[in-house]
C-alpha atoms as a PDB file:
ATOM      1  CA  UNK A   1      -0.169   0.126  -0.422  1.00  0.00           C
ATOM      2  CA  UNK A   2       0.901   3.314  -0.590  1.00  0.00           C
ATOM      3  CA  UNK A   3       2.175   5.710   1.633  1.00  0.00           C
ATOM      4  CA  UNK A   4       2.643   9.265   1.090  1.00  0.00           C
ATOM      5  CA  UNK A   5       4.026   9.963   4.061  1.00  0.00           C
ATOM      6  CA  UNK A   6       7.302   8.055   3.563  1.00  0.00           C
ATOM      7  CA  UNK A   7      10.440   9.344   2.538  1.00  0.00           C
ATOM      8  CA  UNK A   8      14.380   8.581   2.522  1.00  0.00           C
ATOM      9  CA  UNK A   9      16.811   9.326   5.634  1.00  0.00           C
ATOM     10  CA  UNK A  10      19.196  11.433   3.886  1.00  0.00           C
ATOM     11  CA  UNK A  11      18.710  14.494   2.026  1.00  0.00           C
ATOM     12  CA  UNK A  12      19.930  15.005  -1.250  1.00  0.00           C
ATOM     13  CA  UNK A  13      21.678  18.000  -2.210  1.00  0.00           C
ATOM     14  CA  UNK A  14      21.916  19.091  -6.646  1.00  0.00           C
ATOM     15  CA  UNK A  15      23.725  22.320  -7.742  1.00  0.00           C
ATOM     16  CA  UNK A  16      23.315  21.159 -11.167  1.00  0.00           C
ATOM     17  CA  UNK A  17      20.432  19.433 -12.835  1.00  0.00           C
ATOM     18  CA  UNK A  18      19.121  18.390 -16.435  1.00  0.00           C
ATOM     19  CA  UNK A  19      15.473  18.021 -16.962  1.00  0.00           C
ATOM     20  CA  UNK A  20      15.223  14.422 -18.817  1.00  0.00           C
ATOM     21  CA  UNK A  21      13.543  15.293 -22.445  1.00  0.00           C
ATOM     22  CA  UNK A  22      12.717  19.078 -22.216  1.00  0.00           C
ATOM     23  CA  UNK A  23      16.311  20.235 -22.583  1.00  0.00           C
ATOM     24  CA  UNK A  24      16.484  22.278 -18.776  1.00  0.00           C
ATOM     25  CA  UNK A  25      18.795  23.028 -17.047  1.00  0.00           C
ATOM     26  CA  UNK A  26      19.112  24.596 -13.939  1.00  0.00           C
ATOM     27  CA  UNK A  27      22.495  26.259 -11.848  1.00  0.00           C
ATOM     28  CA  UNK A  28      22.008  25.845  -8.076  1.00  0.00           C
ATOM     29  CA  UNK A  29      24.301  28.377  -7.124  1.00  0.00           C
ATOM     30  CA  UNK A  30      24.334  31.532  -4.564  1.00  0.00           C
ATOM     31  CA  UNK A  31      21.763  30.965  -2.779  1.00  0.00           C
ATOM     32  CA  UNK A  32      20.736  32.887  -0.285  1.00  0.00           C
ATOM     33  CA  UNK A  33      19.907  30.578   2.353  1.00  0.00           C
ATOM     34  CA  UNK A  34      19.286  26.769   2.844  1.00  0.00           C
ATOM     35  CA  UNK A  35      17.132  25.079   5.161  1.00  0.00           C
ATOM     36  CA  UNK A  36      16.551  21.150   6.228  1.00  0.00           C
ATOM     37  CA  UNK A  37      13.125  20.682   6.872  1.00  0.00           C
ATOM     38  CA  UNK A  38      12.079  18.328   8.466  1.00  0.00           C
ATOM     39  CA  UNK A  39       9.099  16.106   7.238  1.00  0.00           C
ATOM     40  CA  UNK A  40       6.451  13.712   8.146  1.00  0.00           C
ATOM     41  CA  UNK A  41       7.628  10.720  10.503  1.00  0.00           C
ATOM     42  CA  UNK A  42       8.379   7.424   8.633  1.00  0.00           C
ATOM     43  CA  UNK A  43       5.708   5.368   9.465  1.00  0.00           C
ATOM     44  CA  UNK A  44       6.505   2.255   7.510  1.00  0.00           C
ATOM     45  CA  UNK A  45       8.372  -0.710   8.664  1.00  0.00           C
ATOM     46  CA  UNK A  46      11.074  -2.579   7.100  1.00  0.00           C
ATOM     47  CA  UNK A  47      10.675  -3.800   3.904  1.00  0.00           C
ATOM     48  CA  UNK A  48      10.519  -7.925   3.530  1.00  0.00           C
ATOM     49  CA  UNK A  49      14.720  -9.531   3.408  1.00  0.00           C
ATOM     50  CA  UNK A  50      15.383 -11.067   0.497  1.00  0.00           C
ATOM     51  CA  UNK A  51      18.634 -13.026  -0.278  1.00  0.00           C
ATOM     52  CA  UNK A  52      21.012 -12.315  -3.084  1.00  0.00           C
ATOM     53  CA  UNK A  53      19.780 -15.477  -5.296  1.00  0.00           C
ATOM     54  CA  UNK A  54      16.279 -14.187  -5.570  1.00  0.00           C
ATOM     55  CA  UNK A  55      15.879 -13.417  -8.689  1.00  0.00           C
ATOM     56  CA  UNK A  56      13.563  -9.875 -10.046  1.00  0.00           C
ATOM     57  CA  UNK A  57      11.624 -11.445 -12.180  1.00  0.00           C
ATOM     58  CA  UNK A  58       9.820 -12.598  -8.363  1.00  0.00           C
ATOM     59  CA  UNK A  59       9.939  -9.071  -7.561  1.00  0.00           C
ATOM     60  CA  UNK A  60       7.608  -7.308 -10.759  1.00  0.00           C
ATOM     61  CA  UNK A  61       7.112  -3.767 -10.996  1.00  0.00           C
ATOM     62  CA  UNK A  62       5.935  -0.695 -13.299  1.00  0.00           C
ATOM     63  CA  UNK A  63       7.269   1.759 -14.460  1.00  0.00           C
ATOM     64  CA  UNK A  64       5.647   5.040 -14.526  1.00  0.00           C
ATOM     65  CA  UNK A  65       7.369   7.791 -16.780  1.00  0.00           C
ATOM     66  CA  UNK A  66       6.351  11.747 -17.870  1.00  0.00           C
ATOM     67  CA  UNK A  67       7.431  15.330 -19.294  1.00  0.00           C
ATOM     68  CA  UNK A  68       5.894  17.863 -20.656  1.00  0.00           C
ATOM     69  CA  UNK A  69       4.267  21.111 -19.420  1.00  0.00           C
ATOM     70  CA  UNK A  70       0.696  21.158 -17.577  1.00  0.00           C
ATOM     71  CA  UNK A  71      -2.047  23.693 -15.853  1.00  0.00           C
ATOM     72  CA  UNK A  72      -3.973  24.064 -13.316  1.00  0.00           C
ATOM     73  CA  UNK A  73      -6.413  25.852 -14.870  1.00  0.00           C
ATOM     74  CA  UNK A  74      -6.813  28.466 -12.893  1.00  0.00           C
ATOM     75  CA  UNK A  75      -5.457  31.886 -11.429  1.00  0.00           C
ATOM     76  CA  UNK A  76      -4.051  30.605  -8.680  1.00  0.00           C
ATOM     77  CA  UNK A  77      -2.225  33.536  -7.309  1.00  0.00           C
ATOM     78  CA  UNK A  78      -4.179  36.152  -8.592  1.00  0.00           C
ATOM     79  CA  UNK A  79      -1.738  37.949 -11.286  1.00  0.00           C
ATOM     80  CA  UNK A  80      -4.100  37.818 -14.087  1.00  0.00           C
ATOM     81  CA  UNK A  81      -2.800  34.572 -15.458  1.00  0.00           C
ATOM     82  CA  UNK A  82      -3.625  31.227 -15.673  1.00  0.00           C
ATOM     83  CA  UNK A  83      -1.007  29.232 -13.969  1.00  0.00           C
ATOM     84  CA  UNK A  84       1.704  26.698 -15.478  1.00  0.00           C
ATOM     85  CA  UNK A  85       4.145  24.127 -14.908  1.00  0.00           C
ATOM     86  CA  UNK A  86       7.448  22.337 -17.011  1.00  0.00           C
ATOM     87  CA  UNK A  87       7.701  18.455 -15.715  1.00  0.00           C
ATOM     88  CA  UNK A  88       9.653  15.209 -15.952  1.00  0.00           C
ATOM     89  CA  UNK A  89       9.736  12.146 -14.225  1.00  0.00           C
ATOM     90  CA  UNK A  90      10.841   8.573 -14.181  1.00  0.00           C
ATOM     91  CA  UNK A  91      10.586   5.612 -11.592  1.00  0.00           C
ATOM     92  CA  UNK A  92      10.793   2.028 -11.392  1.00  0.00           C
ATOM     93  CA  UNK A  93       8.083   1.019  -7.981  1.00  0.00           C
ATOM     94  CA  UNK A  94       8.705  -2.570  -7.513  1.00  0.00           C
ATOM     95  CA  UNK A  95       5.579  -4.521  -5.719  1.00  0.00           C
ATOM     96  CA  UNK A  96       6.954  -4.024  -2.104  1.00  0.00           C
ATOM     97  CA  UNK A  97       6.504  -0.525  -2.423  1.00  0.00           C
ATOM     98  CA  UNK A  98      10.122   0.193  -3.134  1.00  0.00           C
ATOM     99  CA  UNK A  99      11.288   2.389  -6.163  1.00  0.00           C
ATOM    100  CA  UNK A 100      13.862   4.592  -7.900  1.00  0.00           C
ATOM    101  CA  UNK A 101      14.088   7.208 -10.052  1.00  0.00           C
ATOM    102  CA  UNK A 102      13.424  11.201 -10.115  1.00  0.00           C
ATOM    103  CA  UNK A 103      11.016  13.446 -10.470  1.00  0.00           C
ATOM    104  CA  UNK A 104      11.243  17.438 -11.053  1.00  0.00           C
ATOM    105  CA  UNK A 105       8.498  19.822 -11.633  1.00  0.00           C
ATOM    106  CA  UNK A 106       9.842  23.233 -12.502  1.00  0.00           C
ATOM    107  CA  UNK A 107       7.090  26.817 -12.471  1.00  0.00           C
ATOM    108  CA  UNK A 108       9.880  29.071 -14.251  1.00  0.00           C
ATOM    109  CA  UNK A 109      10.248  31.536 -16.810  1.00  0.00           C
ATOM    110  CA  UNK A 110       7.190  31.630 -18.938  1.00  0.00           C
ATOM    111  CA  UNK A 111       4.756  31.058 -16.611  1.00  0.00           C
ATOM    112  CA  UNK A 112       5.179  33.378 -13.583  1.00  0.00           C
ATOM    113  CA  UNK A 113       4.027  31.159 -10.445  1.00  0.00           C
ATOM    114  CA  UNK A 114       2.820  32.512  -7.057  1.00  0.00           C
ATOM    115  CA  UNK A 115       4.661  35.739  -6.950  1.00  0.00           C
ATOM    116  CA  UNK A 116       8.113  33.739  -7.936  1.00  0.00           C
ATOM    117  CA  UNK A 117       9.912  33.863 -10.638  1.00  0.00           C
ATOM    118  CA  UNK A 118      11.094  30.120 -10.563  1.00  0.00           C
ATOM    119  CA  UNK A 119      10.101  27.514  -8.062  1.00  0.00           C
ATOM    120  CA  UNK A 120      11.907  23.994  -8.778  1.00  0.00           C
ATOM    121  CA  UNK A 121      10.485  20.727  -6.410  1.00  0.00           C
ATOM    122  CA  UNK A 122      13.502  18.076  -7.569  1.00  0.00           C
ATOM    123  CA  UNK A 123      14.608  14.715  -6.408  1.00  0.00           C
ATOM    124  CA  UNK A 124      14.941  11.077  -6.446  1.00  0.00           C
ATOM    125  CA  UNK A 125      12.758   8.514  -6.063  1.00  0.00           C
ATOM    126  CA  UNK A 126      12.123   5.975  -3.374  1.00  0.00           C
ATOM    127  CA  UNK A 127       8.687   4.832  -3.166  1.00  0.00           C
ATOM    128  CA  UNK A 128       5.900   4.252  -4.723  1.00  0.00           C
ATOM    129  CA  UNK A 129       2.602   2.109  -5.008  1.00  0.00           C
ATOM    130  CA  UNK A 130       2.416  -1.109  -6.755  1.00  0.00           C
ATOM    131  CA  UNK A 131      -0.170   0.459  -9.603  1.00  0.00           C
ATOM    132  CA  UNK A 132       2.536   3.688 -10.298  1.00  0.00           C
ATOM    133  CA  UNK A 133      -0.169   6.137 -10.309  1.00  0.00           C
ATOM    134  CA  UNK A 134       1.379   8.019  -6.877  1.00  0.00           C
ATOM    135  CA  UNK A 135       5.510   7.701  -5.781  1.00  0.00           C
ATOM    136  CA  UNK A 136       7.376  10.219  -4.196  1.00  0.00           C
ATOM    137  CA  UNK A 137      10.944  10.448  -2.059  1.00  0.00           C
ATOM    138  CA  UNK A 138      12.645  13.691  -0.887  1.00  0.00           C
ATOM    139  CA  UNK A 139      13.512  16.631  -2.839  1.00  0.00           C
ATOM    140  CA  UNK A 140      15.315  20.014  -2.950  1.00  0.00           C
ATOM    141  CA  UNK A 141      12.857  22.716  -3.555  1.00  0.00           C
ATOM    142  CA  UNK A 142      14.549  25.596  -4.935  1.00  0.00           C
ATOM    143  CA  UNK A 143      12.784  29.895  -5.330  1.00  0.00           C
ATOM    144  CA  UNK A 144      13.606  32.789  -6.726  1.00  0.00           C
ATOM    145  CA  UNK A 145      11.724  35.195  -5.559  1.00  0.00           C
ATOM    146  CA  UNK A 146      10.521  38.172  -7.898  1.00  0.00           C
ATOM    147  CA  UNK A 147       9.856  41.204  -5.656  1.00  0.00           C
ATOM    148  CA  UNK A 148      12.016  42.891  -3.105  1.00  0.00           C
ATOM    149  CA  UNK A 149      15.924  42.051  -4.263  1.00  0.00           C
ATOM    150  CA  UNK A 150      15.402  39.088  -6.112  1.00  0.00           C
ATOM    151  CA  UNK A 151      17.067  36.869  -3.684  1.00  0.00           C
ATOM    152  CA  UNK A 152      16.966  32.704  -4.462  1.00  0.00           C
ATOM    153  CA  UNK A 153      16.528  30.602  -1.419  1.00  0.00           C
ATOM    154  CA  UNK A 154      16.705  27.014  -1.545  1.00  0.00           C
ATOM    155  CA  UNK A 155      15.169  24.115   1.474  1.00  0.00           C
ATOM    156  CA  UNK A 156      16.757  20.281   1.195  1.00  0.00           C
ATOM    157  CA  UNK A 157      15.222  17.352   2.432  1.00  0.00           C
ATOM    158  CA  UNK A 158      11.796  18.475   1.891  1.00  0.00           C
ATOM    159  CA  UNK A 159       9.075  15.256   1.536  1.00  0.00           C
ATOM    160  CA  UNK A 160       7.030  15.185  -1.493  1.00  0.00           C
ATOM    161  CA  UNK A 161       4.471  12.960  -2.897  1.00  0.00           C
ATOM    162  CA  UNK A 162       3.022  12.616  -6.534  1.00  0.00           C
ATOM    163  CA  UNK A 163      -0.541  11.219  -7.926  1.00  0.00           C
ATOM    164  CA  UNK A 164      -0.744  10.938 -11.612  1.00  0.00           C
ATOM    165  CA  UNK A 165      -3.258   9.896 -14.159  1.00  0.00           C
ATOM    166  CA  UNK A 166      -1.616   8.765 -17.587  1.00  0.00           C
ATOM    167  CA  UNK A 167      -2.686   9.964 -20.526  1.00  0.00           C
ATOM    168  CA  UNK A 168      -1.722  13.184 -23.049  1.00  0.00           C
ATOM    169  CA  UNK A 169      -3.092  16.962 -23.489  1.00  0.00           C
ATOM    170  CA  UNK A 170      -5.981  17.398 -22.269  1.00  0.00           C
ATOM    171  CA  UNK A 171      -6.033  13.411 -20.036  1.00  0.00           C
ATOM    172  CA  UNK A 172      -3.521  13.300 -18.275  1.00  0.00           C
ATOM    173  CA  UNK A 173      -2.977  14.650 -14.761  1.00  0.00           C
ATOM    174  CA  UNK A 174      -0.286  15.161 -11.891  1.00  0.00           C
ATOM    175  CA  UNK A 175      -1.484  16.372  -8.274  1.00  0.00           C
ATOM    176  CA  UNK A 176       2.333  17.137  -6.364  1.00  0.00           C
ATOM    177  CA  UNK A 177       2.336  17.799  -2.490  1.00  0.00           C
ATOM    178  CA  UNK A 178       5.537  19.296  -0.576  1.00  0.00           C
ATOM    179  CA  UNK A 179       5.407  18.642   3.064  1.00  0.00           C
ATOM    180  CA  UNK A 180       6.477  20.617   6.156  1.00  0.00           C
ATOM    181  CA  UNK A 181       6.513  24.385   3.726  1.00  0.00           C
ATOM    182  CA  UNK A 182       4.414  26.376   2.209  1.00  0.00           C
ATOM    183  CA  UNK A 183       1.339  25.815   4.040  1.00  0.00           C
ATOM    184  CA  UNK A 184      -1.235  28.734   3.534  1.00  0.00           C
ATOM    185  CA  UNK A 185       0.690  30.705   0.565  1.00  0.00           C
ATOM    186  CA  UNK A 186      -1.793  31.655  -2.725  1.00  0.00           C
ATOM    187  CA  UNK A 187      -2.152  27.605  -4.867  1.00  0.00           C
ATOM    188  CA  UNK A 188      -2.279  25.845  -0.951  1.00  0.00           C
ATOM    189  CA  UNK A 189      -5.412  23.596  -1.320  1.00  0.00           C
ATOM    190  CA  UNK A 190      -5.739  22.909   2.305  1.00  0.00           C
ATOM    191  CA  UNK A 191      -4.838  25.390   4.685  1.00  0.00           C
ATOM    192  CA  UNK A 192      -3.319  24.457   8.072  1.00  0.00           C
ATOM    193  CA  UNK A 193      -1.644  21.442   8.142  1.00  0.00           C
ATOM    194  CA  UNK A 194       1.500  22.502   7.569  1.00  0.00           C
ATOM    195  CA  UNK A 195       1.870  21.037   3.895  1.00  0.00           C
ATOM    196  CA  UNK A 196       1.853  22.445   0.333  1.00  0.00           C
ATOM    197  CA  UNK A 197      -0.855  20.938  -1.256  1.00  0.00           C
ATOM    198  CA  UNK A 198      -1.053  22.110  -5.067  1.00  0.00           C
ATOM    199  CA  UNK A 199      -4.253  21.212  -7.052  1.00  0.00           C
ATOM    200  CA  UNK A 200      -4.194  18.621  -9.603  1.00  0.00           C
ATOM    201  CA  UNK A 201      -2.672  19.743 -12.820  1.00  0.00           C
ATOM    202  CA  UNK A 202      -4.073  18.885 -16.682  1.00  0.00           C
ATOM    203  CA  UNK A 203      -1.554  17.547 -19.386  1.00  0.00           C
ATOM    204  CA  UNK A 204      -0.706  20.770 -21.479  1.00  0.00           C
ATOM    205  CA  UNK A 205       1.907  19.326 -23.510  1.00  0.00           C
ATOM    206  CA  UNK A 206       3.611  15.822 -23.568  1.00  0.00           C
ATOM    207  CA  UNK A 207       2.657  12.876 -21.806  1.00  0.00           C
ATOM    208  CA  UNK A 208       2.298  10.495 -18.372  1.00  0.00           C
ATOM    209  CA  UNK A 209       2.825   7.291 -19.214  1.00  0.00           C
ATOM    210  CA  UNK A 210       2.109   3.680 -16.973  1.00  0.00           C
ATOM    211  CA  UNK A 211       3.233   0.371 -18.564  1.00  0.00           C
END
């Protein structure tokens, strides 16, 4: 069973990364501050012990991939524009809920988001649901502020989870939650729980697949 509260014990700090399939490069340098964010406790017990002789065939897996742009279908920050984002991910999820892969969601450039010039959530995928429709891990969140002195901030060790539905433009969907940060800021759908629950996004270009 998928447990969105699970997260890895170690943080990943990525200084330079490339969004697969989109040719997009982010340089994570000169940040004003880095904050370690504690997320929900890992309530899941240890997974089953397997011997080295067990084959991968005994542990069937599902692959979830996606890349393109999405739309929230609404003006979440009241600036008069429909909010958009870019996304890219690939995850292989085993039947026991363990997973490996990488996820990125980027709100930047042509789509000013929540008063920010850039907001990026990126990190490894470490767990997921057996049907491939949900996954998560621990991410680095980077924001570049559009107001004031244009400062940059980066938050490390932020648990996140994503729920997806397969399909192309107008069909596929993505819904992301990050835990322990940004509660109550514009776009947060559940205020007061300590988390940032973004609205469901619909694929605008590209595709999400599960197989």
